[in-house]
Amino acid sequence: MQKKIQIFIRQYHMIEENDHVAVGVSGGADSVCLLHLLCELRKCMHFRLTAVHVEHGIRGAESLADAAFVRQLCADWNVPLHTFSVDALHQAKTQHQSLEEAARELRYRCFYEACRKCGANRLAVAHHGDDCAETVLFHLSRGTGLRGLCGIVPVRELPEQKLTLIRPLLCVTKAEIEAYLEQIGQEYRTDSTNADVTMSRNRIRSQVLPQLCEVNTAAVPHIVRTAGYLEEICEYLDEAAWDAGSAYITYEREKNKIVKIRLQRQGILAMPTVLQKNLIHRLLGELAGSKKDLTAAHMESVQALFTAQVGKSVCLPYGIRAYADYEQIVLQKEFGQKKQTDQTDRNNRKKQSAKNKAEKKTREHELVIPGECILESGEHITTKILEFDGNFQQIPEKTCTKWFDYDKIKDTVQIRTRRPGDYLQVQAAGGHKKLKDYLINSKIPKEERDQLLLLAEGSHILWVIGQRISEAYKVTQKTKHIFEVCIHGGKEKNE
């Protein structure tokens, strides 16, 4: 088996000469086998080796005995050892995790710390072929996309930790590991919690896999091989999905963290369905920082939004909300968001309402004609009165400069945000439209409507700044005086 493992390591470039490998050792059969094999291979492959043991604080005296066993083993085999003690029960309770999930998170946190301390650039863990098959079956049973059927990969880069995670035992089965240890006469510890069939993976390991192996004794290697094929397919689809969809994606960041991702509806809908799902999975993973709890059902719920009405939304793991906007689907994560009581929600709404009113009040400016003013948001507004000679070609075609018939203005003109009752005249012969309806028809996102600047005379909107003006104030052949308004600091473009 040593030769088989060595070929597998070289095939995937897991360990190179002069690497420093940290190996997780629990004292169980798998990790003891891995440690022994690496001890043997370091003689011919010329790499450094350090062991790491984590005591989870779960099994009392049994757990402490495991730690003592690993210390003696590393002393006998001349392997430096880093040991850690953690409280997985406390982690599970405070973080609302399963005990298995909490133990795994703490274990890897300790692994990374040990690698940092000893300077290791490789982290070896003892997952084997049965573990890969269990993972495939587990993901398949709870619902997964194609990526979940890839099982466990032999090599994974961990950029944040500046490590490469390697799994040298993936090419062998549990039975081969135990036969190897029996052959060399090596003892190991047995974790009593492995017999707890209330844990999903234990139930798959002890009840489901044995049944499959009765159907075909090579069931585990076949599942592992298929998972490898699917990994190759996923790598191809990852690249194809990004090539097809990256032009339709916009990221928004705060303090170097991705907080929002916008996807153009039509561009993504034009992609093949399988590439849509692949791209959504990738983007949700980027936003969440993990893909662990993202299932096929989550991908499909986001995918359905691309043909849903505006305002439709779905809640996803990691505090992510996906919702349908006019031309886009938005994926948004709110960091540190917690559930609040109804009373707290009411108080927050009152505070927000008061804040909105205050902000709205400060954004009302009466214009001096002719003259200028500077808004709190930085825009510089200038107004002029001009004589009109009937030459319509002089009328500026810019989004931030507009001409109006000055003689039609009877009251004070303001720059402000919207109010209830605001309207536009949308036809030369008359015919008003509520500003709210105009903004909806123009597909202005809901969260942007209260921030739009308006040029208004009372409730009549002369100009939705950056967009259309009211038909009632347009320059005609009867116009004698021009009221020019120019917004400096806006985005000028020809219409």
Protein backbone atom coordinates (compact mmCIF):
# COMPACT_ATOMS: atom_id res chain seq x y z
CA MET A 1 0.00 0.00 0.00
CA GLN A 2 2.93 2.33 0.62
CA LYS A 3 3.83 2.24 -3.08
CA LYS A 4 0.20 2.90 -4.04
CA ILE A 5 0.07 5.95 -1.77
CA GLN A 6 3.42 7.25 -3.06
CA ILE A 7 2.21 7.06 -6.68
CA PHE A 8 -1.02 8.86 -5.71
CA ILE A 9 0.95 11.62 -3.94
CA ARG A 10 3.17 12.14 -6.99
CA GLN A 11 0.19 12.04 -9.37
CA TYR A 12 -1.40 15.02 -7.64
CA HIS A 13 1.87 16.76 -6.68
CA MET A 14 0.81 16.64 -3.04
CA ILE A 15 4.31 16.76 -1.60
CA GLU A 16 7.50 18.10 -3.16
CA GLU A 17 11.05 17.93 -1.90
CA ASN A 18 11.75 20.24 1.07
CA ASP A 19 8.04 20.71 1.83
CA HIS A 20 6.97 20.87 5.48
CA VAL A 21 3.91 18.68 6.06
CA ALA A 22 1.69 19.01 9.12
CA VAL A 23 -0.49 15.93 9.63
CA GLY A 24 -3.63 15.75 11.76
CA VAL A 25 -3.45 12.74 14.10
CA SER A 26 -6.45 11.76 16.24
CA GLY A 27 -5.09 8.36 17.24
CA GLY A 28 -7.67 6.48 15.15
CA ALA A 29 -6.81 3.92 12.50
CA ASP A 30 -6.90 6.36 9.57
CA SER A 31 -4.64 9.04 11.01
CA VAL A 32 -2.22 6.51 12.54
CA CYS A 33 -1.92 4.85 9.14
CA LEU A 34 -1.30 8.22 7.46
CA LEU A 35 1.32 9.21 10.01
CA HIS A 36 3.16 5.89 9.65
CA LEU A 37 3.14 6.10 5.84
CA LEU A 38 4.41 9.69 5.87
CA CYS A 39 7.16 8.71 8.31
CA GLU A 40 8.25 6.04 5.84
CA LEU A 41 7.93 8.28 2.77
CA ARG A 42 9.89 11.19 4.24
CA LYS A 43 13.01 9.00 4.00
CA CYS A 44 12.83 8.85 0.20
CA MET A 45 10.83 12.02 -0.63
CA HIS A 46 12.83 14.32 1.65
CA PHE A 47 10.23 16.46 3.40
CA ARG A 48 9.75 17.59 7.01
CA LEU A 49 6.92 16.23 9.12
CA THR A 50 5.02 17.63 12.13
CA ALA A 51 1.98 16.09 13.85
CA VAL A 52 -1.04 17.95 15.27
CA HIS A 53 -3.51 16.50 17.79
CA VAL A 54 -6.74 18.20 18.93
CA GLU A 55 -8.56 17.05 22.08
CA HIS A 56 -12.20 18.13 21.69
CA GLY A 57 -13.31 17.95 25.31
CA ILE A 58 -16.16 15.58 24.44
CA ARG A 59 -15.31 12.05 25.68
CA GLY A 60 -13.62 12.77 29.01
CA ALA A 61 -11.01 10.19 30.07
CA GLU A 62 -11.22 8.41 26.72
CA SER A 63 -10.28 11.61 24.90
CA LEU A 64 -7.35 12.28 27.27
CA ALA A 65 -6.15 8.72 26.72
CA ASP A 66 -6.20 9.34 22.95
CA ALA A 67 -3.97 12.39 23.44
CA ALA A 68 -1.52 10.37 25.56
CA PHE A 69 -1.44 7.63 22.90
CA VAL A 70 -0.60 10.16 20.16
CA ARG A 71 2.15 11.76 22.27
CA GLN A 72 3.80 8.38 22.81
CA LEU A 73 3.41 7.47 19.13
CA CYS A 74 5.07 10.69 17.95
CA ALA A 75 7.89 10.25 20.48
CA ASP A 76 8.50 6.68 19.25
CA TRP A 77 8.53 7.76 15.60
CA ASN A 78 10.53 10.94 16.18
CA VAL A 79 7.82 13.33 14.96
CA PRO A 80 7.38 16.82 16.53
CA LEU A 81 3.88 17.21 17.96
CA HIS A 82 1.57 20.19 18.59
CA THR A 83 -1.40 19.51 20.89
CA PHE A 84 -4.55 21.57 21.47
CA SER A 85 -7.52 21.26 23.84
CA VAL A 86 -10.86 22.81 22.83
CA ASP A 87 -14.46 22.80 24.06
CA ALA A 88 -16.59 21.56 21.17
CA LEU A 89 -19.73 21.33 23.30
CA HIS A 90 -19.53 25.01 24.20
CA GLN A 91 -18.86 25.94 20.57
CA ALA A 92 -21.87 23.93 19.39
CA LYS A 93 -24.16 25.55 21.97
CA THR A 94 -23.06 29.14 21.52
CA GLN A 95 -22.80 29.03 17.73
CA HIS A 96 -25.96 26.92 17.22
CA GLN A 97 -24.02 24.19 15.44
CA SER A 98 -24.19 20.42 15.52
CA LEU A 99 -21.53 18.86 17.73
CA GLU A 100 -19.90 17.31 14.66
CA GLU A 101 -19.78 20.65 12.86
CA ALA A 102 -18.41 22.50 15.90
CA ALA A 103 -15.69 19.89 16.45
CA ARG A 104 -14.63 20.07 12.82
CA GLU A 105 -14.47 23.87 12.83
CA LEU A 106 -12.36 23.94 16.00
CA ARG A 107 -10.14 21.12 14.75
CA TYR A 108 -9.23 22.90 11.53
CA ARG A 109 -8.73 26.17 13.37
CA CYS A 110 -6.10 24.38 15.48
CA PHE A 111 -4.57 22.75 12.40
CA TYR A 112 -4.10 26.16 10.79
CA GLU A 113 -2.60 27.60 13.96
CA ALA A 114 -0.13 24.71 14.21
CA CYS A 115 0.89 25.17 10.57
CA ARG A 116 1.49 28.85 11.20
CA LYS A 117 3.62 28.13 14.26
CA CYS A 118 5.78 25.42 12.72
CA GLY A 119 5.95 26.91 9.22
CA ALA A 120 4.25 24.02 7.43
CA ASN A 121 3.10 24.63 3.84
CA ARG A 122 1.13 21.37 3.53
CA LEU A 123 -1.67 20.09 5.76
CA ALA A 124 -2.35 16.35 5.45
CA VAL A 125 -5.61 14.85 6.71
CA ALA A 126 -6.62 11.19 6.74
CA HIS A 127 -9.76 11.11 4.59
CA HIS A 128 -9.91 7.87 2.62
CA GLY A 129 -12.06 6.40 -0.14
CA ASP A 130 -14.92 5.42 2.18
CA ASP A 131 -15.08 9.00 3.46
CA CYS A 132 -15.39 10.25 -0.11
CA ALA A 133 -18.17 7.76 -0.86
CA GLU A 134 -19.97 8.71 2.38
CA THR A 135 -19.77 12.39 1.42
CA VAL A 136 -21.23 11.73 -2.05
CA LEU A 137 -24.10 9.72 -0.55
CA PHE A 138 -24.69 12.29 2.19
CA HIS A 139 -24.88 15.16 -0.32
CA LEU A 140 -27.04 13.10 -2.67
CA SER A 141 -29.53 12.27 0.08
CA ARG A 142 -29.96 15.83 1.33
CA GLY A 143 -30.06 17.43 -2.15
CA THR A 144 -27.09 18.75 -4.04
CA GLY A 145 -25.88 20.14 -7.31
CA LEU A 146 -23.18 18.59 -9.44
CA ARG A 147 -20.43 19.99 -7.20
CA GLY A 148 -21.75 18.10 -4.18
CA LEU A 149 -21.35 14.82 -6.06
CA CYS A 150 -17.63 15.44 -6.47
CA GLY A 151 -17.12 14.21 -2.93
CA ILE A 152 -13.73 15.00 -1.40
CA VAL A 153 -10.94 16.26 -3.64
CA PRO A 154 -7.32 15.04 -3.21
CA VAL A 155 -5.81 18.55 -3.15
CA ARG A 156 -7.32 21.90 -2.22
CA GLU A 157 -5.58 25.26 -2.00
CA LEU A 158 -6.27 27.38 1.10
CA PRO A 159 -5.12 30.88 0.05
CA GLU A 160 -6.10 32.62 3.30
CA GLN A 161 -3.99 30.17 5.33
CA LYS A 162 -1.24 30.01 2.68
CA LEU A 163 -1.56 26.23 2.79
CA THR A 164 -2.26 23.31 0.51
CA LEU A 165 -4.64 20.73 2.01
CA ILE A 166 -3.75 17.19 0.90
CA ARG A 167 -5.48 13.82 1.35
CA PRO A 168 -3.00 11.05 0.51
CA LEU A 169 -5.34 8.20 1.59
CA LEU A 170 -8.19 8.93 -0.84
CA CYS A 171 -6.94 6.20 -3.14
CA VAL A 172 -7.45 3.45 -0.52
CA THR A 173 -10.42 2.07 1.40
CA LYS A 174 -11.02 1.71 5.12
CA ALA A 175 -10.55 -2.04 4.79
CA GLU A 176 -7.12 -1.54 3.19
CA ILE A 177 -6.08 0.82 6.00
CA GLU A 178 -7.05 -1.62 8.73
CA ALA A 179 -5.37 -4.52 6.89
CA TYR A 180 -2.17 -2.43 6.59
CA LEU A 181 -2.11 -1.65 10.33
CA GLU A 182 -2.72 -5.30 11.17
CA GLN A 183 0.10 -6.32 8.85
CA ILE A 184 2.65 -4.05 10.58
CA GLY A 185 1.25 -4.81 14.02
CA GLN A 186 0.35 -1.22 14.81
CA GLU A 187 -2.26 -0.44 17.46
CA TYR A 188 -4.69 2.50 17.24
CA ARG A 189 -7.51 4.06 19.22
CA THR A 190 -11.23 3.69 18.51
CA ASP A 191 -13.54 6.69 18.95
CA SER A 192 -16.70 5.48 20.71
CA THR A 193 -18.76 8.21 19.07
CA ASN A 194 -18.24 6.50 15.69
CA ALA A 195 -20.86 3.96 16.79
CA ASP A 196 -23.50 6.67 17.32
CA VAL A 197 -25.92 6.10 14.42
CA THR A 198 -27.90 9.22 15.29
CA MET A 199 -25.16 11.03 13.35
CA SER A 200 -25.97 10.95 9.65
CA ARG A 201 -22.47 10.08 8.46
CA ASN A 202 -22.11 7.27 10.99
CA ARG A 203 -25.40 5.80 9.79
CA ILE A 204 -24.23 5.95 6.15
CA ARG A 205 -20.88 4.42 7.17
CA SER A 206 -22.27 1.56 9.23
CA GLN A 207 -25.54 0.79 7.44
CA VAL A 208 -25.67 2.15 3.88
CA LEU A 209 -22.16 1.53 2.54
CA PRO A 210 -22.04 -2.12 3.71
CA GLN A 211 -25.28 -2.76 1.80
CA LEU A 212 -23.81 -1.22 -1.37
CA CYS A 213 -20.68 -3.32 -0.97
CA GLU A 214 -22.87 -6.41 -0.89
CA VAL A 215 -24.23 -5.36 -4.27
CA ASN A 216 -20.68 -4.83 -5.55
CA THR A 217 -17.53 -5.30 -3.48
CA ALA A 218 -15.89 -2.48 -5.46
CA ALA A 219 -18.71 -0.02 -4.71
CA VAL A 220 -16.45 2.40 -2.81
CA PRO A 221 -13.71 2.65 -5.49
CA HIS A 222 -16.40 3.04 -8.16
CA ILE A 223 -18.07 5.91 -6.29
CA VAL A 224 -14.69 7.58 -5.73
CA ARG A 225 -13.80 7.21 -9.40
CA THR A 226 -17.13 8.69 -10.50
CA ALA A 227 -16.67 11.58 -8.08
CA GLY A 228 -13.31 12.24 -9.73
CA TYR A 229 -14.91 12.32 -13.18
CA LEU A 230 -17.52 14.75 -11.92
CA GLU A 231 -14.80 16.98 -10.45
CA GLU A 232 -13.23 17.25 -13.91
CA ILE A 233 -16.62 18.12 -15.41
CA CYS A 234 -17.21 20.76 -12.71
CA GLU A 235 -13.85 22.37 -13.41
CA TYR A 236 -14.79 22.64 -17.09
CA LEU A 237 -18.24 24.03 -16.26
CA ASP A 238 -16.75 26.54 -13.80
CA GLU A 239 -14.64 28.02 -16.55
CA ALA A 240 -17.43 27.91 -19.14
CA ALA A 241 -19.95 29.53 -16.77
CA TRP A 242 -17.59 32.35 -15.88
CA ASP A 243 -16.70 32.99 -19.53
CA ALA A 244 -20.40 33.14 -20.43
CA GLY A 245 -21.65 35.16 -17.46
CA SER A 246 -18.92 37.38 -16.03
CA ALA A 247 -19.88 40.31 -18.27
CA TYR A 248 -23.33 40.40 -16.61
CA ILE A 249 -22.07 40.54 -13.00
CA THR A 250 -21.33 43.58 -10.83
CA TYR A 251 -19.75 43.32 -7.36
CA GLU A 252 -20.25 45.84 -4.55
CA ARG A 253 -17.75 45.82 -1.66
CA GLU A 254 -17.45 47.41 1.76
CA LYS A 255 -14.08 47.27 3.53
CA ASN A 256 -12.82 44.73 0.99
CA LYS A 257 -15.78 42.40 1.67
CA ILE A 258 -18.31 41.51 -1.01
CA VAL A 259 -21.70 42.63 0.30
CA LYS A 260 -23.80 42.65 -2.86
CA ILE A 261 -23.69 41.04 -6.31
CA ARG A 262 -25.91 42.19 -9.16
CA LEU A 263 -26.74 39.88 -12.09
CA GLN A 264 -28.29 41.19 -15.30
CA ARG A 265 -31.47 39.23 -15.94
CA GLN A 266 -31.42 38.96 -19.72
CA GLY A 267 -27.73 38.14 -20.00
CA ILE A 268 -27.89 35.32 -17.46
CA LEU A 269 -31.17 33.96 -18.87
CA ALA A 270 -29.50 33.60 -22.27
CA MET A 271 -27.00 31.14 -20.79
CA PRO A 272 -27.63 27.36 -20.75
CA THR A 273 -29.45 26.29 -17.57
CA VAL A 274 -26.55 24.20 -16.27
CA LEU A 275 -24.19 27.18 -16.55
CA GLN A 276 -26.69 29.43 -14.78
CA LYS A 277 -26.73 27.09 -11.77
CA ASN A 278 -22.99 26.73 -11.77
CA LEU A 279 -22.50 30.50 -11.82
CA ILE A 280 -25.09 31.10 -9.09
CA HIS A 281 -23.37 28.51 -6.89
CA ARG A 282 -20.02 30.21 -7.39
CA LEU A 283 -21.38 33.68 -6.62
CA LEU A 284 -23.26 32.59 -3.51
CA GLY A 285 -20.08 30.90 -2.31
CA GLU A 286 -18.09 34.09 -2.85
CA LEU A 287 -20.67 36.16 -1.00
CA ALA A 288 -21.01 33.70 1.88
CA GLY A 289 -17.36 32.77 2.17
CA SER A 290 -18.37 29.09 2.09
CA LYS A 291 -20.38 26.68 -0.05
CA LYS A 292 -20.91 24.09 2.67
CA ASP A 293 -24.64 24.67 3.30
CA LEU A 294 -25.63 25.63 -0.24
CA THR A 295 -27.85 22.95 -1.79
CA ALA A 296 -29.39 22.41 -5.22
CA ALA A 297 -32.69 23.77 -3.86
CA HIS A 298 -30.98 27.08 -3.06
CA MET A 299 -29.58 27.35 -6.60
CA GLU A 300 -33.00 26.63 -8.08
CA SER A 301 -34.74 29.20 -5.85
CA VAL A 302 -32.34 31.91 -7.07
CA GLN A 303 -32.65 30.73 -10.65
CA ALA A 304 -36.45 31.09 -10.43
CA LEU A 305 -36.06 34.79 -9.59
CA PHE A 306 -34.81 35.52 -13.10
CA THR A 307 -38.36 35.09 -14.41
CA ALA A 308 -40.13 36.38 -11.27
CA GLN A 309 -41.88 39.71 -10.76
CA VAL A 310 -40.07 42.65 -9.20
CA GLY A 311 -39.83 42.43 -5.41
CA LYS A 312 -39.86 38.64 -5.20
CA SER A 313 -37.15 37.42 -2.82
CA VAL A 314 -35.73 34.29 -1.18
CA CYS A 315 -33.71 33.86 2.01
CA LEU A 316 -30.59 31.72 1.82
CA PRO A 317 -27.95 30.36 4.22
CA TYR A 318 -25.25 32.67 5.65
CA GLY A 319 -27.69 35.59 5.97
CA ILE A 320 -27.98 36.06 2.20
CA ARG A 321 -31.12 37.43 0.59
CA ALA A 322 -31.70 37.24 -3.15
CA TYR A 323 -34.35 39.46 -4.71
CA ALA A 324 -35.67 40.44 -8.12
CA ASP A 325 -35.16 44.02 -9.26
CA TYR A 326 -36.28 45.43 -12.60
CA GLU A 327 -33.38 44.43 -14.82
CA GLN A 328 -31.29 42.59 -12.24
CA ILE A 329 -31.25 39.86 -9.64
CA VAL A 330 -29.48 41.05 -6.48
CA LEU A 331 -27.64 38.81 -4.02
CA GLN A 332 -27.07 40.64 -0.75
CA LYS A 333 -25.46 39.74 2.55
CA GLU A 334 -25.90 41.76 5.70
CA PHE A 335 -22.99 41.15 8.06
CA GLY A 336 -23.81 40.79 11.74
CA GLN A 337 -27.56 40.99 11.21
CA LYS A 338 -29.57 39.45 14.09
CA LYS A 339 -33.23 38.83 14.74
CA GLN A 340 -34.94 41.54 16.71
CA THR A 341 -38.12 41.66 18.77
CA ASP A 342 -41.27 43.25 17.37
CA GLN A 343 -40.90 46.16 19.77
CA THR A 344 -37.30 46.74 18.67
CA ASP A 345 -38.40 46.61 15.05
CA ARG A 346 -41.08 49.23 15.75
CA ASN A 347 -38.59 51.47 17.52
CA ASN A 348 -36.13 51.14 14.66
CA ARG A 349 -38.81 51.97 12.12
CA LYS A 350 -39.76 55.09 14.08
CA LYS A 351 -36.13 56.16 14.27
CA GLN A 352 -35.65 55.50 10.57
CA SER A 353 -38.82 57.42 9.73
CA ALA A 354 -37.63 60.40 11.78
CA LYS A 355 -34.24 60.19 10.14
CA ASN A 356 -35.78 60.05 6.67
CA LYS A 357 -37.92 63.11 7.43
CA ALA A 358 -34.89 65.00 8.69
CA GLU A 359 -32.86 64.04 5.64
CA LYS A 360 -35.74 64.99 3.39
CA LYS A 361 -36.08 68.39 5.01
CA THR A 362 -32.38 69.14 4.55
CA ARG A 363 -32.67 68.24 0.87
CA GLU A 364 -35.22 70.93 0.08
CA HIS A 365 -33.68 74.02 -1.51
CA GLU A 366 -35.51 77.04 -2.84
CA LEU A 367 -33.78 78.21 -6.00
CA VAL A 368 -32.70 81.77 -6.51
CA ILE A 369 -33.42 82.76 -10.11
CA PRO A 370 -30.97 83.67 -11.52
CA GLY A 371 -28.36 82.42 -9.05
CA GLU A 372 -26.67 79.31 -7.66
CA CYS A 373 -26.66 76.92 -4.68
CA ILE A 374 -24.69 73.93 -3.43
CA LEU A 375 -26.47 70.87 -2.04
CA GLU A 376 -25.27 68.78 0.92
CA SER A 377 -24.62 65.91 -1.48
CA GLY A 378 -22.13 68.06 -3.39
CA GLU A 379 -24.10 69.07 -6.51
CA HIS A 380 -23.63 72.69 -7.61
CA ILE A 381 -26.76 74.16 -9.24
CA THR A 382 -26.79 77.29 -11.40
CA THR A 383 -29.89 79.00 -12.86
CA LYS A 384 -30.15 81.62 -15.62
CA ILE A 385 -32.85 83.61 -17.43
CA LEU A 386 -32.24 83.81 -21.19
CA GLU A 387 -34.06 85.44 -24.10
CA PHE A 388 -35.39 82.89 -26.60
CA ASP A 389 -35.05 83.71 -30.31
CA GLY A 390 -37.04 80.73 -31.57
CA ASN A 391 -34.00 78.61 -32.52
CA PHE A 392 -34.85 75.15 -31.19
CA GLN A 393 -31.45 73.77 -32.22
CA GLN A 394 -29.93 75.69 -29.31
CA ILE A 395 -31.85 73.63 -26.74
CA PRO A 396 -29.22 71.57 -24.89
CA GLU A 397 -29.53 67.79 -25.21
CA LYS A 398 -27.84 66.91 -21.94
CA THR A 399 -29.08 65.01 -18.93
CA CYS A 400 -27.78 67.63 -16.47
CA THR A 401 -28.77 70.85 -18.27
CA LYS A 402 -32.38 71.67 -19.17
CA TRP A 403 -34.38 74.60 -20.58
CA PHE A 404 -37.90 75.46 -19.44
CA ASP A 405 -40.48 78.10 -20.45
CA TYR A 406 -39.91 80.67 -17.69
CA ASP A 407 -43.23 82.45 -18.19
CA LYS A 408 -45.17 79.26 -17.30
CA ILE A 409 -43.65 79.18 -13.82
CA LYS A 410 -45.99 80.91 -11.36
CA ASP A 411 -44.65 79.90 -7.95
CA THR A 412 -41.44 79.14 -6.05
CA VAL A 413 -39.19 76.52 -7.62
CA GLN A 414 -37.41 74.01 -5.41
CA ILE A 415 -34.82 71.26 -5.68
CA ARG A 416 -36.00 68.46 -3.41
CA THR A 417 -36.80 64.79 -2.97
CA ARG A 418 -40.25 63.37 -3.58
CA ARG A 419 -43.43 63.97 -1.54
CA PRO A 420 -46.88 62.38 -1.55
CA GLY A 421 -49.02 63.89 -4.33
CA ASP A 422 -46.15 64.68 -6.73
CA TYR A 423 -47.04 64.36 -10.41
CA LEU A 424 -45.78 64.98 -13.95
CA GLN A 425 -47.57 66.13 -17.09
CA VAL A 426 -46.67 63.42 -19.59
CA GLN A 427 -48.63 64.63 -22.62
CA ALA A 428 -48.48 68.00 -24.38
CA ALA A 429 -52.28 68.20 -24.45
CA GLY A 430 -52.50 67.48 -20.73
CA GLY A 431 -52.72 64.28 -18.77
CA HIS A 432 -50.96 63.88 -15.47
CA LYS A 433 -49.21 60.85 -14.05
CA LYS A 434 -48.35 60.27 -10.42
CA LEU A 435 -44.62 60.51 -9.87
CA LYS A 436 -44.72 57.13 -8.09
CA ASP A 437 -46.25 55.49 -11.17
CA TYR A 438 -43.73 57.15 -13.45
CA LEU A 439 -40.80 55.88 -11.35
CA ILE A 440 -42.23 52.34 -11.30
CA ASN A 441 -42.80 52.38 -15.07
CA SER A 442 -39.28 53.72 -15.55
CA LYS A 443 -37.97 50.77 -13.49
CA ILE A 444 -36.25 52.94 -10.91
CA PRO A 445 -35.25 50.60 -8.03
CA LYS A 446 -37.40 51.12 -4.93
CA GLU A 447 -34.41 51.90 -2.70
CA GLU A 448 -33.33 54.73 -5.07
CA ARG A 449 -36.66 56.55 -5.44
CA ASP A 450 -36.48 58.54 -2.20
CA GLN A 451 -32.98 59.73 -3.11
CA LEU A 452 -33.84 61.12 -6.55
CA LEU A 453 -33.52 64.91 -6.89
CA LEU A 454 -36.50 66.72 -8.40
CA LEU A 455 -37.08 70.23 -9.74
CA ALA A 456 -40.56 71.12 -8.51
CA GLU A 457 -43.14 73.89 -8.47
CA GLY A 458 -45.43 72.83 -5.63
CA SER A 459 -46.50 69.26 -6.38
CA HIS A 460 -45.87 69.64 -10.11
CA ILE A 461 -42.50 68.13 -11.06
CA LEU A 462 -40.74 70.15 -13.73
CA TRP A 463 -37.84 67.71 -13.99
CA VAL A 464 -36.88 64.32 -12.60
CA ILE A 465 -33.22 65.27 -12.64
CA GLY A 466 -31.18 63.11 -14.95
CA GLN A 467 -34.38 61.97 -16.71
CA ARG A 468 -37.47 63.55 -18.32
CA ILE A 469 -39.05 66.96 -17.87
CA SER A 470 -42.75 67.81 -17.65
CA GLU A 471 -44.54 68.53 -20.92
CA ALA A 472 -46.19 71.53 -19.23
CA TYR A 473 -42.91 73.49 -19.03
CA LYS A 474 -41.34 72.62 -22.37
CA VAL A 475 -40.09 75.38 -24.66
CA THR A 476 -42.48 76.12 -27.54
CA GLN A 477 -42.71 78.63 -30.37
CA LYS A 478 -44.57 80.95 -27.98
CA THR A 479 -41.74 80.92 -25.42
CA LYS A 480 -40.10 84.32 -24.82
CA HIS A 481 -37.90 83.65 -21.81
CA ILE A 482 -35.83 80.57 -20.99
CA PHE A 483 -35.27 79.25 -17.48
CA GLU A 484 -31.98 77.30 -17.66
CA VAL A 485 -31.03 74.89 -14.87
CA CYS A 486 -27.63 73.24 -14.82
CA ILE A 487 -26.51 70.55 -12.34
CA HIS A 488 -22.73 70.49 -11.96
CA GLY A 489 -21.35 67.29 -10.48
CA GLY A 490 -23.90 65.14 -12.24
CA LYS A 491 -23.01 62.66 -14.99
CA GLU A 492 -23.24 64.49 -18.32
CA LYS A 493 -24.14 62.52 -21.41
CA ASN A 494 -25.96 63.25 -24.63
CA GLU A 495 -29.51 61.92 -24.77
